[in-house]
Amino acid sequence: MDHTSHDSGPRPLVASSGLPADVYSAGCPTRDVLDHLASKWTILIIDALGAGTYRFAELRRTIDGISEKMLAQTLRRLERDGLLTRTVYPEVPPHTEYALTPLGRSISAPIASLRIWAERNINDVLAARGAYESKSNHQQR
């Protein structure tokens, strides 16, 4: 299948394979990146850090419902992927701060747009779900 209608120019070559980056190809590592970026916790963390630097506890308070374990795992993965930096200050008591890297900031605006879209359209989505459920319930009778 040709995906040129989705392209915004020539695709870069993946360094590990020498093949063009293609998220539609099952073997392309871009799938792993997309999977990670599509996580609700990743989206919320990147969106929060788009406003500036946060400490771990501040992020946990900001992102209601995330467990300490999930926050730590997601922050580690974002750091591994080069999307954020983790700075440990050897003070008493010690503290750690997280901030987006330039690569992380490059995805921050699209993620903020996704959040804004979700917040603006939640009522339409909920109405569509209700209509779907009503239709499904009538068809099952």
N, C-alpha and C. Protein backbone atom coordinates (compact mmCIF):
# COMPACT_ATOMS: atom_id res chain seq x y z
N MET A 1 0.85 -1.19 0.00
CA MET A 1 0.00 0.00 0.00
C MET A 1 0.88 1.23 0.00
N ASP A 2 0.51 2.21 -0.78
CA ASP A 2 1.28 3.44 -0.88
C ASP A 2 0.77 4.45 0.14
N HIS A 3 1.66 4.95 0.96
CA HIS A 3 1.29 5.89 2.02
C HIS A 3 1.75 7.30 1.71
N THR A 4 2.00 7.58 0.44
CA THR A 4 2.53 8.90 0.08
C THR A 4 1.58 10.03 0.41
N SER A 5 0.28 9.76 0.50
CA SER A 5 -0.65 10.84 0.82
C SER A 5 -0.46 11.32 2.26
N HIS A 6 0.16 10.50 3.11
CA HIS A 6 0.40 10.86 4.50
C HIS A 6 1.78 11.49 4.68
N ASP A 7 2.62 11.39 3.69
CA ASP A 7 4.00 11.85 3.81
C ASP A 7 4.11 13.35 3.70
N SER A 8 5.11 13.88 4.39
CA SER A 8 5.40 15.30 4.27
C SER A 8 6.78 15.49 3.65
N GLY A 9 7.23 14.51 2.91
CA GLY A 9 8.53 14.58 2.26
C GLY A 9 9.22 13.24 2.33
N PRO A 10 10.47 13.21 1.89
CA PRO A 10 11.20 11.95 1.91
C PRO A 10 11.42 11.45 3.33
N ARG A 11 11.26 10.16 3.52
CA ARG A 11 11.43 9.57 4.84
C ARG A 11 12.90 9.32 5.11
N PRO A 12 13.33 9.57 6.34
CA PRO A 12 14.73 9.29 6.68
C PRO A 12 14.98 7.79 6.71
N LEU A 13 16.23 7.41 6.56
CA LEU A 13 16.60 6.01 6.68
C LEU A 13 16.80 5.67 8.15
N VAL A 14 16.34 4.49 8.54
CA VAL A 14 16.53 4.00 9.91
C VAL A 14 17.97 3.52 9.99
N ALA A 15 18.74 4.08 10.92
CA ALA A 15 20.17 3.78 11.02
C ALA A 15 20.44 2.29 11.20
N SER A 16 19.62 1.60 11.99
CA SER A 16 19.89 0.19 12.28
C SER A 16 19.63 -0.74 11.10
N SER A 17 18.77 -0.33 10.16
CA SER A 17 18.42 -1.21 9.04
C SER A 17 18.80 -0.65 7.67
N GLY A 18 18.95 0.66 7.58
CA GLY A 18 19.21 1.29 6.29
C GLY A 18 17.95 1.43 5.44
N LEU A 19 16.81 1.03 5.99
CA LEU A 19 15.54 1.12 5.27
C LEU A 19 14.83 2.43 5.62
N PRO A 20 13.97 2.91 4.73
CA PRO A 20 13.22 4.13 5.06
C PRO A 20 12.30 3.91 6.27
N ALA A 21 12.18 4.92 7.10
CA ALA A 21 11.26 4.87 8.23
C ALA A 21 9.85 4.73 7.68
N ASP A 22 9.10 3.75 8.19
CA ASP A 22 7.74 3.51 7.70
C ASP A 22 6.90 2.92 8.82
N VAL A 23 6.13 3.76 9.48
CA VAL A 23 5.33 3.33 10.62
C VAL A 23 4.29 2.28 10.23
N TYR A 24 3.97 2.18 8.95
CA TYR A 24 3.01 1.18 8.50
C TYR A 24 3.65 -0.19 8.32
N SER A 25 4.96 -0.28 8.37
CA SER A 25 5.68 -1.55 8.26
C SER A 25 5.85 -2.17 9.64
N ALA A 26 5.41 -3.42 9.80
CA ALA A 26 5.43 -4.08 11.11
C ALA A 26 6.83 -4.17 11.70
N GLY A 27 7.85 -4.28 10.88
CA GLY A 27 9.20 -4.44 11.40
C GLY A 27 9.95 -3.14 11.65
N CYS A 28 9.35 -2.02 11.34
CA CYS A 28 10.04 -0.74 11.51
C CYS A 28 10.02 -0.30 12.97
N PRO A 29 11.17 0.13 13.50
CA PRO A 29 11.20 0.57 14.91
C PRO A 29 10.36 1.80 15.20
N THR A 30 9.89 2.49 14.17
CA THR A 30 9.00 3.62 14.41
C THR A 30 7.70 3.17 15.08
N ARG A 31 7.33 1.90 14.87
CA ARG A 31 6.13 1.37 15.52
C ARG A 31 6.27 1.40 17.04
N ASP A 32 7.46 1.02 17.53
CA ASP A 32 7.70 1.03 18.97
C ASP A 32 7.61 2.46 19.52
N VAL A 33 8.18 3.40 18.79
CA VAL A 33 8.13 4.80 19.21
C VAL A 33 6.69 5.29 19.22
N LEU A 34 5.94 4.98 18.16
CA LEU A 34 4.55 5.40 18.09
C LEU A 34 3.73 4.77 19.22
N ASP A 35 3.98 3.49 19.50
CA ASP A 35 3.28 2.81 20.59
C ASP A 35 3.54 3.52 21.91
N HIS A 36 4.78 3.88 22.15
CA HIS A 36 5.11 4.57 23.39
C HIS A 36 4.49 5.96 23.44
N LEU A 37 4.56 6.69 22.34
CA LEU A 37 3.98 8.04 22.31
C LEU A 37 2.47 8.02 22.46
N ALA A 38 1.82 6.94 22.05
CA ALA A 38 0.36 6.85 22.11
C ALA A 38 -0.15 6.48 23.50
N SER A 39 0.74 6.16 24.42
CA SER A 39 0.33 5.83 25.79
C SER A 39 -0.26 7.07 26.46
N LYS A 40 -1.36 6.87 27.18
CA LYS A 40 -1.98 8.03 27.85
C LYS A 40 -1.02 8.65 28.85
N TRP A 41 -0.20 7.84 29.53
CA TRP A 41 0.72 8.41 30.52
C TRP A 41 1.82 9.21 29.83
N THR A 42 2.34 8.72 28.72
CA THR A 42 3.35 9.47 27.97
C THR A 42 2.78 10.80 27.51
N ILE A 43 1.58 10.78 26.97
CA ILE A 43 0.94 12.01 26.48
C ILE A 43 0.78 13.01 27.63
N LEU A 44 0.29 12.54 28.77
CA LEU A 44 0.07 13.45 29.89
C LEU A 44 1.38 13.98 30.47
N ILE A 45 2.41 13.15 30.54
CA ILE A 45 3.71 13.60 31.06
C ILE A 45 4.34 14.63 30.12
N ILE A 46 4.36 14.34 28.83
CA ILE A 46 4.95 15.29 27.89
C ILE A 46 4.16 16.60 27.88
N ASP A 47 2.83 16.50 27.94
CA ASP A 47 2.02 17.71 27.95
C ASP A 47 2.30 18.54 29.21
N ALA A 48 2.40 17.89 30.36
CA ALA A 48 2.72 18.62 31.60
C ALA A 48 4.09 19.26 31.51
N LEU A 49 5.09 18.52 31.04
CA LEU A 49 6.45 19.05 30.95
C LEU A 49 6.57 20.14 29.89
N GLY A 50 5.60 20.23 29.01
CA GLY A 50 5.59 21.32 28.03
C GLY A 50 5.48 22.67 28.71
N ALA A 51 4.95 22.67 29.93
CA ALA A 51 4.83 23.93 30.69
C ALA A 51 6.10 24.26 31.46
N GLY A 52 7.03 23.31 31.55
CA GLY A 52 8.28 23.58 32.27
C GLY A 52 8.78 22.38 33.04
N THR A 53 9.79 22.63 33.84
CA THR A 53 10.45 21.59 34.63
C THR A 53 9.59 21.20 35.83
N TYR A 54 9.57 19.91 36.12
CA TYR A 54 8.82 19.38 37.26
C TYR A 54 9.69 18.44 38.07
N ARG A 55 9.42 18.37 39.37
CA ARG A 55 9.96 17.32 40.22
C ARG A 55 9.01 16.12 40.11
N PHE A 56 9.51 14.96 40.53
CA PHE A 56 8.73 13.73 40.47
C PHE A 56 7.38 13.89 41.18
N ALA A 57 7.42 14.36 42.41
CA ALA A 57 6.18 14.49 43.20
C ALA A 57 5.22 15.49 42.57
N GLU A 58 5.75 16.54 41.96
CA GLU A 58 4.89 17.52 41.29
C GLU A 58 4.17 16.89 40.09
N LEU A 59 4.91 16.08 39.33
CA LEU A 59 4.29 15.39 38.21
C LEU A 59 3.19 14.45 38.69
N ARG A 60 3.48 13.72 39.76
CA ARG A 60 2.50 12.76 40.30
C ARG A 60 1.23 13.48 40.76
N ARG A 61 1.38 14.64 41.37
CA ARG A 61 0.21 15.41 41.79
C ARG A 61 -0.54 15.99 40.58
N THR A 62 0.20 16.39 39.57
CA THR A 62 -0.40 16.99 38.38
C THR A 62 -1.19 15.97 37.57
N ILE A 63 -0.65 14.75 37.46
CA ILE A 63 -1.26 13.71 36.63
C ILE A 63 -2.05 12.77 37.54
N ASP A 64 -3.27 13.16 37.79
CA ASP A 64 -4.14 12.41 38.70
C ASP A 64 -4.33 10.98 38.20
N GLY A 65 -4.16 10.01 39.12
CA GLY A 65 -4.42 8.62 38.79
C GLY A 65 -3.20 7.80 38.40
N ILE A 66 -2.06 8.43 38.14
CA ILE A 66 -0.86 7.68 37.77
C ILE A 66 -0.20 7.16 39.05
N SER A 67 0.20 5.89 39.01
CA SER A 67 0.88 5.32 40.17
C SER A 67 2.34 5.75 40.15
N GLU A 68 2.97 5.67 41.31
CA GLU A 68 4.38 6.01 41.40
C GLU A 68 5.21 5.11 40.48
N LYS A 69 4.87 3.82 40.45
CA LYS A 69 5.59 2.86 39.61
C LYS A 69 5.44 3.21 38.13
N MET A 70 4.22 3.49 37.68
CA MET A 70 3.99 3.82 36.27
C MET A 70 4.67 5.12 35.89
N LEU A 71 4.64 6.11 36.78
CA LEU A 71 5.31 7.38 36.50
C LEU A 71 6.81 7.15 36.35
N ALA A 72 7.40 6.38 37.26
CA ALA A 72 8.84 6.11 37.20
C ALA A 72 9.20 5.35 35.92
N GLN A 73 8.42 4.34 35.55
CA GLN A 73 8.68 3.56 34.33
C GLN A 73 8.58 4.44 33.08
N THR A 74 7.55 5.26 33.03
CA THR A 74 7.33 6.10 31.85
C THR A 74 8.42 7.17 31.75
N LEU A 75 8.81 7.76 32.87
CA LEU A 75 9.89 8.75 32.86
C LEU A 75 11.20 8.11 32.39
N ARG A 76 11.49 6.90 32.85
CA ARG A 76 12.72 6.22 32.41
C ARG A 76 12.71 5.98 30.90
N ARG A 77 11.56 5.56 30.39
CA ARG A 77 11.47 5.28 28.96
C ARG A 77 11.59 6.57 28.14
N LEU A 78 10.99 7.63 28.62
CA LEU A 78 11.11 8.92 27.92
C LEU A 78 12.55 9.42 27.95
N GLU A 79 13.24 9.20 29.06
CA GLU A 79 14.65 9.58 29.14
C GLU A 79 15.48 8.73 28.19
N ARG A 80 15.20 7.42 28.16
CA ARG A 80 15.91 6.50 27.26
C ARG A 80 15.73 6.91 25.80
N ASP A 81 14.53 7.35 25.45
CA ASP A 81 14.23 7.75 24.08
C ASP A 81 14.71 9.16 23.74
N GLY A 82 15.31 9.85 24.71
CA GLY A 82 15.86 11.17 24.45
C GLY A 82 14.83 12.29 24.47
N LEU A 83 13.66 12.03 25.06
CA LEU A 83 12.61 13.04 25.07
C LEU A 83 12.63 13.92 26.31
N LEU A 84 13.29 13.46 27.37
CA LEU A 84 13.41 14.29 28.55
C LEU A 84 14.76 14.08 29.22
N THR A 85 15.12 15.04 30.05
CA THR A 85 16.33 14.93 30.86
C THR A 85 15.92 14.78 32.32
N ARG A 86 16.75 14.06 33.03
CA ARG A 86 16.56 13.85 34.46
C ARG A 86 17.79 14.43 35.14
N THR A 87 17.58 15.41 36.00
CA THR A 87 18.69 16.06 36.70
C THR A 87 18.53 15.81 38.19
N VAL A 88 19.55 15.19 38.78
CA VAL A 88 19.54 14.91 40.22
C VAL A 88 20.41 15.95 40.90
N TYR A 89 19.85 16.60 41.90
CA TYR A 89 20.57 17.61 42.67
C TYR A 89 21.00 16.99 44.00
N PRO A 90 22.31 16.92 44.26
CA PRO A 90 22.82 16.28 45.48
C PRO A 90 22.70 17.21 46.69
N GLU A 91 21.48 17.53 47.03
CA GLU A 91 21.21 18.39 48.17
C GLU A 91 20.64 17.54 49.30
N VAL A 92 20.42 18.15 50.42
CA VAL A 92 19.76 17.46 51.52
C VAL A 92 18.43 18.15 51.78
N PRO A 93 17.31 17.51 51.55
CA PRO A 93 17.20 16.20 50.91
C PRO A 93 17.43 16.32 49.40
N PRO A 94 17.90 15.24 48.76
CA PRO A 94 18.14 15.29 47.31
C PRO A 94 16.83 15.42 46.55
N HIS A 95 16.89 16.05 45.40
CA HIS A 95 15.70 16.10 44.56
C HIS A 95 16.08 15.92 43.09
N THR A 96 15.09 15.50 42.32
CA THR A 96 15.27 15.22 40.90
C THR A 96 14.28 16.04 40.11
N GLU A 97 14.76 16.60 39.02
CA GLU A 97 13.89 17.38 38.14
C GLU A 97 13.87 16.77 36.75
N TYR A 98 12.74 16.92 36.10
CA TYR A 98 12.54 16.41 34.74
C TYR A 98 12.17 17.56 33.83
N ALA A 99 12.75 17.56 32.63
CA ALA A 99 12.46 18.60 31.65
C ALA A 99 12.54 17.99 30.26
N LEU A 100 11.79 18.56 29.33
CA LEU A 100 11.83 18.10 27.95
C LEU A 100 13.14 18.50 27.29
N THR A 101 13.67 17.63 26.46
CA THR A 101 14.82 17.94 25.62
C THR A 101 14.29 18.65 24.36
N PRO A 102 15.16 19.14 23.50
CA PRO A 102 14.65 19.69 22.23
C PRO A 102 13.81 18.67 21.44
N LEU A 103 14.21 17.40 21.47
CA LEU A 103 13.42 16.36 20.80
C LEU A 103 12.05 16.24 21.46
N GLY A 104 12.00 16.26 22.77
CA GLY A 104 10.73 16.19 23.49
C GLY A 104 9.86 17.41 23.22
N ARG A 105 10.49 18.58 23.15
CA ARG A 105 9.72 19.80 22.85
C ARG A 105 9.15 19.74 21.44
N SER A 106 9.83 19.03 20.53
CA SER A 106 9.33 18.94 19.15
C SER A 106 8.03 18.16 19.05
N ILE A 107 7.74 17.29 20.01
CA ILE A 107 6.48 16.53 20.01
C ILE A 107 5.47 17.16 20.97
N SER A 108 5.89 18.10 21.78
CA SER A 108 5.02 18.72 22.78
C SER A 108 3.83 19.44 22.16
N ALA A 109 4.04 20.22 21.12
CA ALA A 109 2.94 20.96 20.50
C ALA A 109 1.89 20.04 19.88
N PRO A 110 2.30 19.00 19.12
CA PRO A 110 1.26 18.08 18.61
C PRO A 110 0.49 17.38 19.73
N ILE A 111 1.17 17.04 20.82
CA ILE A 111 0.49 16.40 21.95
C ILE A 111 -0.47 17.39 22.62
N ALA A 112 -0.06 18.63 22.77
CA ALA A 112 -0.95 19.64 23.35
C ALA A 112 -2.19 19.82 22.47
N SER A 113 -2.00 19.77 21.15
CA SER A 113 -3.13 19.88 20.23
C SER A 113 -4.09 18.71 20.41
N LEU A 114 -3.56 17.52 20.63
CA LEU A 114 -4.39 16.34 20.86
C LEU A 114 -5.20 16.49 22.16
N ARG A 115 -4.54 16.98 23.22
CA ARG A 115 -5.25 17.22 24.49
C ARG A 115 -6.36 18.24 24.30
N ILE A 116 -6.05 19.34 23.63
CA ILE A 116 -7.04 20.39 23.40
C ILE A 116 -8.22 19.85 22.59
N TRP A 117 -7.91 19.05 21.56
CA TRP A 117 -8.98 18.45 20.76
C TRP A 117 -9.88 17.58 21.63
N ALA A 118 -9.27 16.74 22.48
CA ALA A 118 -10.03 15.84 23.36
C ALA A 118 -10.93 16.63 24.31
N GLU A 119 -10.38 17.68 24.90
CA GLU A 119 -11.16 18.48 25.84
C GLU A 119 -12.30 19.22 25.14
N ARG A 120 -12.05 19.72 23.94
CA ARG A 120 -13.08 20.47 23.21
C ARG A 120 -14.18 19.57 22.64
N ASN A 121 -13.85 18.33 22.35
CA ASN A 121 -14.78 17.45 21.67
C ASN A 121 -15.34 16.33 22.54
N ILE A 122 -15.08 16.35 23.84
CA ILE A 122 -15.52 15.27 24.70
C ILE A 122 -17.03 15.08 24.66
N ASN A 123 -17.79 16.15 24.64
CA ASN A 123 -19.26 16.01 24.63
C ASN A 123 -19.75 15.37 23.35
N ASP A 124 -19.15 15.69 22.21
CA ASP A 124 -19.53 15.05 20.95
C ASP A 124 -19.18 13.57 20.95
N VAL A 125 -18.02 13.23 21.49
CA VAL A 125 -17.61 11.83 21.57
C VAL A 125 -18.56 11.05 22.48
N LEU A 126 -18.87 11.62 23.64
CA LEU A 126 -19.79 10.95 24.56
C LEU A 126 -21.19 10.78 23.94
N ALA A 127 -21.63 11.78 23.20
CA ALA A 127 -22.94 11.68 22.53
C ALA A 127 -22.90 10.58 21.46
N ALA A 128 -21.81 10.51 20.72
CA ALA A 128 -21.67 9.46 19.70
C ALA A 128 -21.65 8.08 20.34
N ARG A 129 -20.98 7.95 21.46
CA ARG A 129 -20.96 6.67 22.18
C ARG A 129 -22.37 6.29 22.63
N GLY A 130 -23.08 7.26 23.18
CA GLY A 130 -24.44 7.00 23.62
C GLY A 130 -25.34 6.57 22.48
N ALA A 131 -25.22 7.24 21.35
CA ALA A 131 -26.02 6.90 20.17
C ALA A 131 -25.66 5.50 19.66
N TYR A 132 -24.39 5.18 19.67
CA TYR A 132 -23.93 3.85 19.24
C TYR A 132 -24.50 2.77 20.15
N GLU A 133 -24.42 3.00 21.46
CA GLU A 133 -24.93 2.02 22.43
C GLU A 133 -26.44 1.84 22.26
N SER A 134 -27.17 2.92 22.07
CA SER A 134 -28.62 2.84 21.88
C SER A 134 -28.93 2.04 20.62
N LYS A 135 -28.21 2.33 19.54
CA LYS A 135 -28.40 1.62 18.28
C LYS A 135 -28.06 0.15 18.43
N SER A 136 -26.95 -0.16 19.11
CA SER A 136 -26.55 -1.55 19.32
C SER A 136 -27.57 -2.30 20.16
N ASN A 137 -28.08 -1.65 21.20
CA ASN A 137 -29.07 -2.29 22.06
C ASN A 137 -30.37 -2.58 21.30
N HIS A 138 -30.78 -1.67 20.41
CA HIS A 138 -32.00 -1.89 19.63
C HIS A 138 -31.80 -3.00 18.60
N GLN A 139 -30.62 -3.11 18.04
CA GLN A 139 -30.34 -4.13 17.03
C GLN A 139 -30.24 -5.52 17.64
N GLN A 140 -29.89 -5.60 18.91
CA GLN A 140 -29.73 -6.90 19.56
C GLN A 140 -31.07 -7.48 20.00
N ARG A 141 -32.09 -6.70 20.00
CA ARG A 141 -33.43 -7.17 20.44
C ARG A 141 -34.13 -7.96 19.39
